[in-house]
N, C-alpha and C. Protein backbone atom coordinates (compact mmCIF):
# COMPACT_ATOMS: atom_id res chain seq x y z
N MET A 1 1.22 -0.88 0.35
CA MET A 1 -0.01 -0.30 -0.64
C MET A 1 0.36 1.30 0.19
N PRO A 2 0.29 2.70 -0.60
CA PRO A 2 1.07 3.56 -0.93
C PRO A 2 1.33 4.67 0.06
N LEU A 3 2.24 5.65 0.31
CA LEU A 3 2.30 6.23 1.86
C LEU A 3 1.47 7.17 1.67
N LEU A 4 0.73 8.01 2.56
CA LEU A 4 -0.03 9.33 1.91
C LEU A 4 1.18 10.11 0.93
N GLY A 5 0.52 10.48 -0.01
CA GLY A 5 1.20 12.12 -0.52
C GLY A 5 1.81 10.30 -1.49
N GLN A 6 2.28 9.46 -2.21
CA GLN A 6 2.73 9.48 -3.04
C GLN A 6 2.42 8.41 -4.11
N GLN A 7 2.40 8.94 -5.71
CA GLN A 7 1.64 8.75 -6.43
C GLN A 7 2.26 7.51 -7.50
N LEU A 8 0.01 6.88 -7.97
CA LEU A 8 0.27 5.30 -7.92
C LEU A 8 1.20 5.31 -9.58
N LYS A 9 1.78 4.35 -9.64
CA LYS A 9 2.77 4.78 -11.43
C LYS A 9 2.35 3.96 -12.44
N ARG A 10 1.59 5.16 -12.56
CA ARG A 10 0.27 4.27 -14.31
C ARG A 10 1.04 3.34 -15.31
N VAL A 11 0.47 2.54 -15.35
CA VAL A 11 0.65 1.16 -15.32
C VAL A 11 0.32 1.58 -16.88
N PRO A 12 0.69 1.52 -18.74
CA PRO A 12 1.27 1.44 -19.36
C PRO A 12 0.53 0.95 -20.29
N ARG A 13 -0.73 1.19 -21.03
CA ARG A 13 -1.70 0.16 -21.98
C ARG A 13 -1.26 0.26 -23.38
N ILE A 14 -1.06 -1.13 -23.87
CA ILE A 14 -1.07 -0.91 -25.37
C ILE A 14 -2.89 -1.78 -26.13
N GLY A 15 -2.77 -1.41 -27.17
CA GLY A 15 -4.25 -1.98 -27.91
C GLY A 15 -3.16 -2.50 -28.58
N PHE A 16 -3.94 -4.35 -28.27
CA PHE A 16 -3.73 -4.94 -29.77
C PHE A 16 -4.56 -5.29 -30.24
N LEU A 17 -4.92 -5.32 -32.08
CA LEU A 17 -5.44 -5.26 -32.49
C LEU A 17 -5.24 -7.00 -34.09
N GLY A 18 -5.72 -7.62 -33.41
CA GLY A 18 -4.73 -9.26 -34.28
C GLY A 18 -5.78 -9.41 -35.40
N LEU A 19 -5.67 -10.31 -36.43
CA LEU A 19 -5.99 -10.40 -37.44
C LEU A 19 -6.61 -11.73 -37.26
N GLY A 20 -6.72 -12.31 -36.74
CA GLY A 20 -6.37 -13.80 -36.29
C GLY A 20 -7.15 -14.15 -35.05
N SER A 21 -6.03 -15.20 -34.06
CA SER A 21 -7.26 -15.66 -33.04
C SER A 21 -5.56 -15.50 -32.32
N PRO A 22 -6.01 -15.72 -31.17
CA PRO A 22 -4.96 -16.00 -30.18
C PRO A 22 -3.99 -17.65 -31.13
N VAL A 23 -4.48 -18.70 -30.55
CA VAL A 23 -4.56 -19.86 -31.52
C VAL A 23 -3.68 -19.88 -32.60
N SER A 24 -4.06 -19.15 -34.02
CA SER A 24 -3.91 -19.14 -35.15
C SER A 24 -2.46 -17.56 -34.99
N HIS A 25 -2.23 -17.43 -34.35
CA HIS A 25 -1.04 -16.35 -34.43
C HIS A 25 -0.81 -16.90 -32.54
N ALA A 26 -0.15 -17.28 -32.41
CA ALA A 26 -0.01 -18.12 -31.62
C ALA A 26 1.60 -17.23 -31.56
N GLU A 27 2.95 -17.93 -32.61
CA GLU A 27 4.17 -17.89 -32.91
C GLU A 27 4.24 -15.66 -32.81
N PHE A 28 3.84 -15.45 -33.10
CA PHE A 28 3.64 -14.14 -33.70
C PHE A 28 3.68 -13.01 -31.58
N LEU A 29 2.35 -13.88 -31.00
CA LEU A 29 1.69 -13.60 -30.24
C LEU A 29 2.92 -13.96 -28.74
N GLU A 30 3.65 -14.82 -29.16
CA GLU A 30 4.69 -14.89 -27.97
C GLU A 30 5.80 -14.09 -28.35
N ALA A 31 6.35 -13.78 -29.90
CA ALA A 31 7.22 -12.95 -30.27
C ALA A 31 7.04 -11.79 -30.18
N PHE A 32 5.95 -11.25 -29.61
CA PHE A 32 5.25 -10.00 -29.14
C PHE A 32 5.42 -9.91 -27.46
N ARG A 33 5.25 -10.50 -26.79
CA ARG A 33 5.13 -11.02 -25.38
C ARG A 33 7.11 -10.43 -24.75
N ARG A 34 7.38 -11.34 -25.72
CA ARG A 34 8.68 -11.78 -25.62
C ARG A 34 9.83 -10.51 -26.05
N GLY A 35 9.14 -9.71 -26.67
CA GLY A 35 10.00 -8.55 -27.32
C GLY A 35 9.44 -7.38 -26.07
N LEU A 36 8.48 -8.16 -25.68
CA LEU A 36 7.78 -6.96 -24.19
C LEU A 36 9.02 -7.03 -22.82
N ARG A 37 8.84 -8.37 -22.76
CA ARG A 37 9.91 -8.90 -21.75
C ARG A 37 11.05 -8.69 -21.53
N ASP A 38 11.90 -8.53 -22.62
CA ASP A 38 13.35 -8.30 -23.08
C ASP A 38 13.58 -7.12 -22.84
N TYR A 39 12.29 -5.69 -22.77
CA TYR A 39 12.51 -4.27 -22.30
C TYR A 39 12.21 -4.47 -21.22
N GLY A 40 11.58 -4.90 -19.86
CA GLY A 40 11.34 -4.84 -19.17
C GLY A 40 9.90 -5.08 -18.98
N TYR A 41 9.08 -5.03 -20.11
CA TYR A 41 8.04 -4.92 -19.30
C TYR A 41 7.20 -6.70 -19.56
N ILE A 42 6.44 -6.42 -18.31
CA ILE A 42 6.09 -8.25 -18.01
C ILE A 42 4.33 -7.44 -16.99
N GLU A 43 3.60 -8.53 -18.50
CA GLU A 43 2.14 -8.58 -18.32
C GLU A 43 1.79 -9.31 -17.05
N PRO A 44 0.45 -9.07 -15.73
CA PRO A 44 0.43 -7.07 -16.43
C PRO A 44 1.05 -6.89 -15.40
N GLU A 45 2.37 -6.78 -14.80
CA GLU A 45 2.63 -6.24 -13.60
C GLU A 45 3.12 -5.17 -14.06
N THR A 46 3.79 -5.17 -15.24
CA THR A 46 4.91 -3.65 -15.89
C THR A 46 3.81 -3.28 -17.39
N ILE A 47 2.83 -3.77 -17.71
CA ILE A 47 2.14 -3.10 -18.77
C ILE A 47 1.05 -3.75 -18.83
N LEU A 48 -0.33 -3.06 -19.47
CA LEU A 48 -1.00 -4.17 -19.85
C LEU A 48 -1.39 -4.03 -20.99
N VAL A 49 -2.21 -4.83 -22.05
CA VAL A 49 -2.25 -5.44 -23.23
C VAL A 49 -4.13 -5.82 -23.43
N GLU A 50 -4.20 -5.34 -24.03
CA GLU A 50 -6.19 -5.20 -24.44
C GLU A 50 -6.15 -6.05 -25.54
N TYR A 51 -6.12 -6.96 -25.77
CA TYR A 51 -5.98 -7.52 -26.96
C TYR A 51 -8.27 -7.73 -27.69
N ARG A 52 -7.51 -7.88 -28.83
CA ARG A 52 -9.63 -7.47 -30.10
C ARG A 52 -8.78 -8.26 -30.86
N TRP A 53 -8.98 -9.50 -31.26
CA TRP A 53 -8.86 -10.14 -32.29
C TRP A 53 -10.29 -10.62 -33.03
N ALA A 54 -9.69 -10.50 -34.69
CA ALA A 54 -11.42 -10.50 -35.85
C ALA A 54 -11.52 -11.86 -35.75
N ALA A 55 -10.88 -13.08 -35.60
CA ALA A 55 -10.70 -14.60 -36.15
C ALA A 55 -10.75 -14.98 -37.76
N GLY A 56 -10.65 -13.73 -38.16
CA GLY A 56 -10.38 -14.18 -39.17
C GLY A 56 -11.56 -12.66 -40.49
N HIS A 57 -12.46 -12.15 -39.34
CA HIS A 57 -13.37 -11.56 -40.03
C HIS A 57 -13.27 -9.78 -40.02
N TYR A 58 -12.34 -9.39 -41.17
CA TYR A 58 -11.68 -8.04 -41.35
C TYR A 58 -12.96 -7.38 -41.37
N ASP A 59 -13.62 -7.59 -41.86
CA ASP A 59 -14.69 -6.80 -41.94
C ASP A 59 -15.00 -5.94 -40.24
N ARG A 60 -14.36 -6.90 -39.51
CA ARG A 60 -14.91 -6.40 -37.63
C ARG A 60 -13.70 -5.68 -37.32
N LEU A 61 -12.54 -5.75 -38.24
CA LEU A 61 -11.19 -4.57 -37.65
C LEU A 61 -11.56 -3.37 -37.16
N PRO A 62 -12.30 -2.26 -37.43
CA PRO A 62 -13.14 -0.93 -37.32
C PRO A 62 -13.55 -0.80 -36.20
N GLN A 63 -14.23 -1.89 -36.14
CA GLN A 63 -15.11 -2.08 -34.33
C GLN A 63 -14.49 -2.54 -33.54
N LEU A 64 -13.34 -3.31 -33.89
CA LEU A 64 -12.26 -3.77 -32.58
C LEU A 64 -11.45 -2.11 -32.83
N ALA A 65 -11.09 -1.59 -32.83
CA ALA A 65 -9.95 -0.67 -33.14
C ALA A 65 -11.11 0.36 -32.51
N MET A 66 -12.27 0.31 -32.70
CA MET A 66 -12.80 2.01 -32.07
C MET A 66 -13.00 1.71 -30.33
N GLU A 67 -12.97 0.07 -29.87
CA GLU A 67 -12.99 -0.60 -28.95
C GLU A 67 -11.80 -0.30 -28.21
N LEU A 68 -10.58 -0.80 -28.86
CA LEU A 68 -9.55 -0.39 -28.58
C LEU A 68 -9.62 1.76 -27.93
N THR A 69 -9.90 1.84 -28.12
CA THR A 69 -9.52 3.51 -28.63
C THR A 69 -10.19 4.04 -27.19
N ARG A 70 -11.56 3.21 -26.98
CA ARG A 70 -12.50 3.36 -26.03
C ARG A 70 -11.98 3.50 -24.34
N GLU A 71 -11.01 2.21 -25.21
CA GLU A 71 -10.06 1.09 -23.36
C GLU A 71 -9.06 2.22 -22.53
N ASN A 72 -9.04 3.86 -23.12
CA ASN A 72 -7.88 3.93 -23.21
C ASN A 72 -6.79 3.95 -23.13
N VAL A 73 -6.59 2.93 -24.74
CA VAL A 73 -5.33 2.32 -24.78
C VAL A 73 -3.75 3.62 -24.48
N ASP A 74 -2.80 3.87 -24.91
CA ASP A 74 -1.94 4.44 -25.20
C ASP A 74 -1.40 4.61 -26.76
N LEU A 75 -0.65 3.26 -27.67
CA LEU A 75 -0.86 3.11 -29.03
C LEU A 75 -1.79 1.93 -28.87
N ILE A 76 -1.80 1.39 -30.41
CA ILE A 76 -2.16 0.50 -30.55
C ILE A 76 -1.35 -0.61 -31.57
N VAL A 77 -1.32 -1.50 -31.30
CA VAL A 77 0.34 -2.60 -31.98
C VAL A 77 -0.93 -3.30 -33.33
N THR A 78 -0.59 -3.59 -34.28
CA THR A 78 -1.40 -4.54 -34.87
C THR A 78 -0.47 -4.80 -36.16
N TYR A 79 -0.79 -6.23 -37.11
CA TYR A 79 0.47 -6.79 -37.94
C TYR A 79 -0.33 -7.11 -39.43
N GLY A 80 -0.03 -7.23 -40.01
CA GLY A 80 -0.77 -7.38 -42.18
C GLY A 80 -1.39 -5.63 -42.08
N SER A 81 -1.30 -5.66 -44.09
CA SER A 81 -1.78 -4.70 -44.38
C SER A 81 -3.70 -4.52 -43.90
N GLU A 82 -4.24 -5.48 -43.67
CA GLU A 82 -5.82 -5.53 -43.12
C GLU A 82 -5.51 -4.82 -42.54
N GLY A 83 -5.38 -5.36 -41.20
CA GLY A 83 -5.09 -4.68 -39.70
C GLY A 83 -4.46 -2.84 -39.85
N ALA A 84 -3.13 -3.11 -40.53
CA ALA A 84 -2.75 -1.38 -40.59
C ALA A 84 -3.58 -0.59 -41.39
N LEU A 85 -4.29 -0.78 -42.37
CA LEU A 85 -5.35 -0.10 -43.01
C LEU A 85 -6.62 -0.14 -42.37
N ALA A 86 -7.04 -0.57 -41.73
CA ALA A 86 -8.38 -0.53 -40.79
C ALA A 86 -7.52 0.43 -39.37
N ALA A 87 -6.54 -0.12 -38.25
CA ALA A 87 -6.09 0.64 -37.84
C ALA A 87 -6.14 2.92 -38.39
N LYS A 88 -5.46 2.68 -38.85
CA LYS A 88 -4.95 3.90 -40.07
C LYS A 88 -6.28 4.87 -40.30
N ARG A 89 -7.65 4.04 -40.65
CA ARG A 89 -8.89 4.97 -40.61
C ARG A 89 -9.53 4.42 -40.29
N THR A 90 -9.79 4.06 -39.14
CA THR A 90 -10.30 4.26 -37.82
C THR A 90 -9.64 5.35 -36.99
N ILE A 91 -8.68 5.13 -36.43
CA ILE A 91 -7.06 6.24 -35.69
C ILE A 91 -6.71 6.90 -35.83
N THR A 92 -6.88 8.25 -35.38
CA THR A 92 -6.55 9.15 -35.52
C THR A 92 -5.79 9.85 -34.31
N THR A 93 -6.55 9.56 -32.80
CA THR A 93 -5.98 10.57 -32.04
C THR A 93 -4.14 9.60 -30.88
N LEU A 94 -3.95 8.61 -31.21
CA LEU A 94 -3.43 7.02 -31.16
C LEU A 94 -2.53 6.91 -31.83
N PRO A 95 -1.04 6.86 -31.52
CA PRO A 95 -0.21 6.08 -32.38
C PRO A 95 -0.05 4.72 -32.77
N VAL A 96 -0.49 4.50 -34.27
CA VAL A 96 0.09 3.37 -34.05
C VAL A 96 1.05 2.48 -34.93
N VAL A 97 0.99 0.96 -34.87
CA VAL A 97 2.09 0.68 -35.01
C VAL A 97 1.73 -0.96 -35.66
N ALA A 98 2.33 -1.05 -36.94
CA ALA A 98 1.84 -1.56 -37.63
C ALA A 98 3.16 -3.22 -38.19
N VAL A 99 3.12 -3.77 -37.93
CA VAL A 99 4.39 -4.83 -38.36
C VAL A 99 3.78 -6.34 -39.22
N ALA A 100 4.64 -7.04 -39.73
CA ALA A 100 4.70 -7.64 -40.63
C ALA A 100 3.49 -7.19 -41.91
N VAL A 101 4.08 -5.83 -42.58
CA VAL A 101 2.94 -5.49 -43.57
C VAL A 101 3.61 -5.90 -45.15
N ASP A 102 3.36 -5.88 -45.77
CA ASP A 102 4.21 -6.73 -47.34
C ASP A 102 4.78 -5.30 -47.97
N ASP A 103 4.21 -4.70 -47.85
CA ASP A 103 4.22 -3.48 -48.69
C ASP A 103 3.61 -1.67 -47.86
N MET A 104 4.39 -1.19 -46.96
CA MET A 104 3.29 -0.61 -46.35
C MET A 104 3.05 0.79 -47.15
N VAL A 105 3.38 1.16 -48.35
CA VAL A 105 3.56 2.03 -49.75
C VAL A 105 2.40 0.95 -50.37
N GLY A 106 2.85 0.69 -50.52
CA GLY A 106 1.71 -0.05 -51.84
C GLY A 106 0.44 -0.63 -51.40
N ALA A 107 0.36 -1.14 -50.04
CA ALA A 107 -0.95 -1.43 -49.35
C ALA A 107 -1.44 0.24 -49.01
N GLY A 108 -1.06 1.64 -49.13
CA GLY A 108 -1.83 2.59 -49.33
C GLY A 108 -1.31 2.94 -47.33
N VAL A 109 -0.98 1.85 -46.73
CA VAL A 109 -0.78 2.50 -45.13
C VAL A 109 0.16 3.41 -44.47
N VAL A 110 0.74 4.06 -45.65
CA VAL A 110 1.85 5.33 -45.86
C VAL A 110 1.74 5.89 -46.73
N ALA A 111 2.83 7.27 -46.84
CA ALA A 111 2.97 7.61 -48.22
C ALA A 111 4.61 7.07 -48.91
N ASN A 112 5.10 7.38 -47.71
CA ASN A 112 6.27 7.39 -48.12
C ASN A 112 7.51 6.45 -46.69
N LEU A 113 8.01 5.80 -46.98
CA LEU A 113 8.78 5.27 -45.35
C LEU A 113 9.75 6.30 -45.56
N ALA A 114 10.42 7.23 -45.56
CA ALA A 114 10.97 7.89 -45.01
C ALA A 114 9.63 8.81 -44.02
N ARG A 115 8.86 9.36 -44.69
CA ARG A 115 8.36 10.55 -43.81
C ARG A 115 6.80 9.59 -43.62
N PRO A 116 6.67 8.62 -42.51
CA PRO A 116 5.27 8.00 -42.55
C PRO A 116 4.27 8.13 -42.91
N GLU A 117 3.80 9.15 -42.55
CA GLU A 117 2.23 10.90 -42.06
C GLU A 117 2.05 10.23 -40.64
N ALA A 118 1.08 11.21 -40.65
CA ALA A 118 -0.20 10.84 -39.14
C ALA A 118 0.44 10.21 -38.02
N ASN A 119 -0.34 9.24 -37.52
CA ASN A 119 0.27 8.53 -36.86
C ASN A 119 0.03 7.21 -36.65
N VAL A 120 0.65 6.88 -37.94
CA VAL A 120 0.79 5.03 -38.07
C VAL A 120 2.74 5.24 -38.26
N THR A 121 3.14 4.15 -38.19
CA THR A 121 4.94 4.03 -38.38
C THR A 121 4.22 1.99 -37.92
N GLY A 122 5.74 1.58 -38.20
CA GLY A 122 6.48 0.05 -38.20
C GLY A 122 7.18 -0.58 -39.48
N LEU A 123 6.62 -1.00 -39.31
CA LEU A 123 8.19 -2.05 -40.44
C LEU A 123 6.96 -3.11 -41.11
N SER A 124 8.20 -2.69 -42.80
CA SER A 124 6.85 -3.49 -43.84
C SER A 124 8.17 -4.44 -44.14
N LEU A 125 7.50 -5.76 -44.47
CA LEU A 125 8.59 -6.77 -45.16
C LEU A 125 9.33 -7.21 -45.98
N LEU A 126 8.91 -6.79 -47.40
CA LEU A 126 9.58 -6.71 -48.76
C LEU A 126 9.22 -5.57 -49.54
N GLY A 127 9.00 -4.13 -48.60
CA GLY A 127 8.71 -3.24 -49.85
C GLY A 127 9.87 -3.04 -51.10
N THR A 128 9.20 -2.99 -51.59
CA THR A 128 10.20 -2.71 -52.75
C THR A 128 10.90 -1.52 -52.71
N GLU A 129 11.00 -0.43 -51.87
CA GLU A 129 12.30 0.73 -51.67
C GLU A 129 13.54 0.12 -51.11
N THR A 130 13.25 -0.66 -51.18
CA THR A 130 14.08 -1.06 -49.53
C THR A 130 15.29 -2.67 -50.08
N SER A 131 14.59 -2.91 -51.53
CA SER A 131 15.02 -4.29 -52.21
C SER A 131 16.96 -3.05 -52.67
N GLU A 132 16.67 -2.66 -53.09
CA GLU A 132 18.01 -2.33 -53.22
C GLU A 132 19.43 -2.18 -52.26
N LYS A 133 18.82 -1.84 -51.09
CA LYS A 133 19.79 -1.34 -49.74
C LYS A 133 19.50 -2.85 -49.21
N ARG A 134 19.01 -4.14 -49.13
CA ARG A 134 18.73 -5.00 -49.24
C ARG A 134 20.09 -5.66 -49.67
N LEU A 135 20.15 -6.00 -51.20
CA LEU A 135 21.41 -6.26 -51.97
C LEU A 135 22.40 -5.89 -51.68
N CYS A 136 22.58 -4.36 -51.20
CA CYS A 136 23.68 -3.84 -50.54
C CYS A 136 24.43 -4.41 -49.29
N LEU A 137 23.32 -4.82 -48.61
CA LEU A 137 24.09 -5.39 -47.26
C LEU A 137 24.66 -6.92 -47.21
N LEU A 138 23.74 -7.12 -48.07
CA LEU A 138 24.09 -8.79 -48.48
C LEU A 138 25.55 -9.29 -49.41
N ARG A 139 25.43 -8.20 -50.02
CA ARG A 139 27.12 -7.80 -50.75
C ARG A 139 28.04 -7.59 -49.51
N ASP A 140 27.59 -6.77 -48.76
CA ASP A 140 28.57 -6.13 -47.87
C ASP A 140 29.07 -7.48 -46.50
N THR A 141 28.10 -8.73 -46.32
CA THR A 141 27.86 -8.89 -45.56
C THR A 141 29.01 -10.55 -46.10
N ILE A 142 28.75 -10.79 -47.67
CA ILE A 142 29.12 -11.97 -48.19
C ILE A 142 29.86 -11.13 -49.64
N PRO A 143 31.19 -10.62 -49.41
CA PRO A 143 31.62 -9.64 -50.61
C PRO A 143 32.18 -11.06 -51.96
N ASP A 144 32.08 -12.13 -51.25
CA ASP A 144 32.18 -13.63 -52.97
C ASP A 144 31.20 -13.14 -53.52
N LEU A 145 30.14 -12.70 -53.09
CA LEU A 145 28.46 -13.26 -53.21
C LEU A 145 28.92 -13.16 -55.56
N GLY A 146 27.66 -13.90 -56.04
CA GLY A 146 28.32 -13.69 -56.85
C GLY A 146 27.33 -13.17 -58.01
N LYS A 147 26.26 -13.84 -57.74
CA LYS A 147 24.41 -14.45 -58.41
C LYS A 147 23.58 -14.48 -56.82
N VAL A 148 22.92 -13.45 -57.32
CA VAL A 148 21.59 -13.65 -55.98
C VAL A 148 20.40 -14.13 -56.83
N ALA A 149 19.42 -14.55 -56.87
CA ALA A 149 18.27 -15.67 -57.34
C ALA A 149 17.56 -14.87 -55.74
N VAL A 150 15.94 -14.57 -56.95
CA VAL A 150 14.66 -14.28 -55.78
C VAL A 150 13.74 -15.09 -56.42
N VAL A 151 13.13 -15.64 -55.59
CA VAL A 151 11.82 -16.79 -55.75
C VAL A 151 11.09 -16.44 -55.28
N TRP A 152 9.69 -15.74 -55.61
CA TRP A 152 8.31 -14.40 -55.79
C TRP A 152 6.88 -15.68 -56.07
N ASN A 153 6.34 -15.52 -54.94
CA ASN A 153 5.52 -16.47 -55.58
C ASN A 153 4.59 -15.54 -55.40
N GLU A 154 3.29 -14.52 -56.11
CA GLU A 154 3.16 -14.08 -55.43
C GLU A 154 1.55 -14.22 -55.46
N SER A 155 0.72 -15.69 -55.35
CA SER A 155 -0.08 -16.24 -54.95
C SER A 155 -0.28 -16.33 -53.79
N ALA A 156 0.96 -17.49 -52.91
CA ALA A 156 1.70 -16.83 -51.74
C ALA A 156 1.89 -15.69 -50.72
N GLN A 157 2.23 -14.81 -52.15
CA GLN A 157 1.95 -12.74 -50.64
C GLN A 157 0.56 -13.33 -50.18
N ALA A 158 -0.73 -13.45 -51.85
CA ALA A 158 -1.95 -13.44 -51.24
C ALA A 158 -2.88 -13.98 -50.44
N ARG A 159 -1.97 -15.07 -50.31
CA ARG A 159 -2.39 -16.00 -49.63
C ARG A 159 -2.26 -15.50 -47.69
N HIS A 160 -1.23 -14.86 -47.55
CA HIS A 160 -0.08 -14.87 -46.57
C HIS A 160 -1.40 -13.36 -45.38
N THR A 161 -1.08 -12.30 -46.97
CA THR A 161 -2.45 -11.37 -46.27
C THR A 161 -4.24 -11.40 -45.96
N LEU A 162 -3.73 -12.48 -47.02
CA LEU A 162 -5.46 -12.98 -46.45
C LEU A 162 -5.60 -14.11 -44.48
N ALA A 163 -4.44 -14.56 -44.32
CA ALA A 163 -4.24 -15.45 -43.97
C ALA A 163 -4.46 -14.71 -42.17
């Protein structure tokens, strides 16, 4: 019990906007929680996470995003193009961190990577804007590298986006 006059420290709150379910995204969810722990955030002692899951019903994402804003979270974390776009269109007053978006610019989540705009930031997986930089890093890492092949399956990307 705090002493008189002592302020209770406010525990930060994250809103997590999930596309699937805790079961279908267990590996991603564990990585998220491990990342929080690596920075000293332990649920629910030092951080609270409000989870909302669309269970594959992407039309529910805007409603779930609004629910999170009513929970007075400090920021929203989401993933995939669908989650990022729903959060961008629905939430204008909170920071949105979107991860695992195939192409943030191509999907319309941000105007460009240098200046993401408004309240959205995050991590793009395979944006073409960074392809040249990736190849430079690969060449710097493996100086004897001769040829590089990229195998791309557009239908697999579409399935990943819809999963």
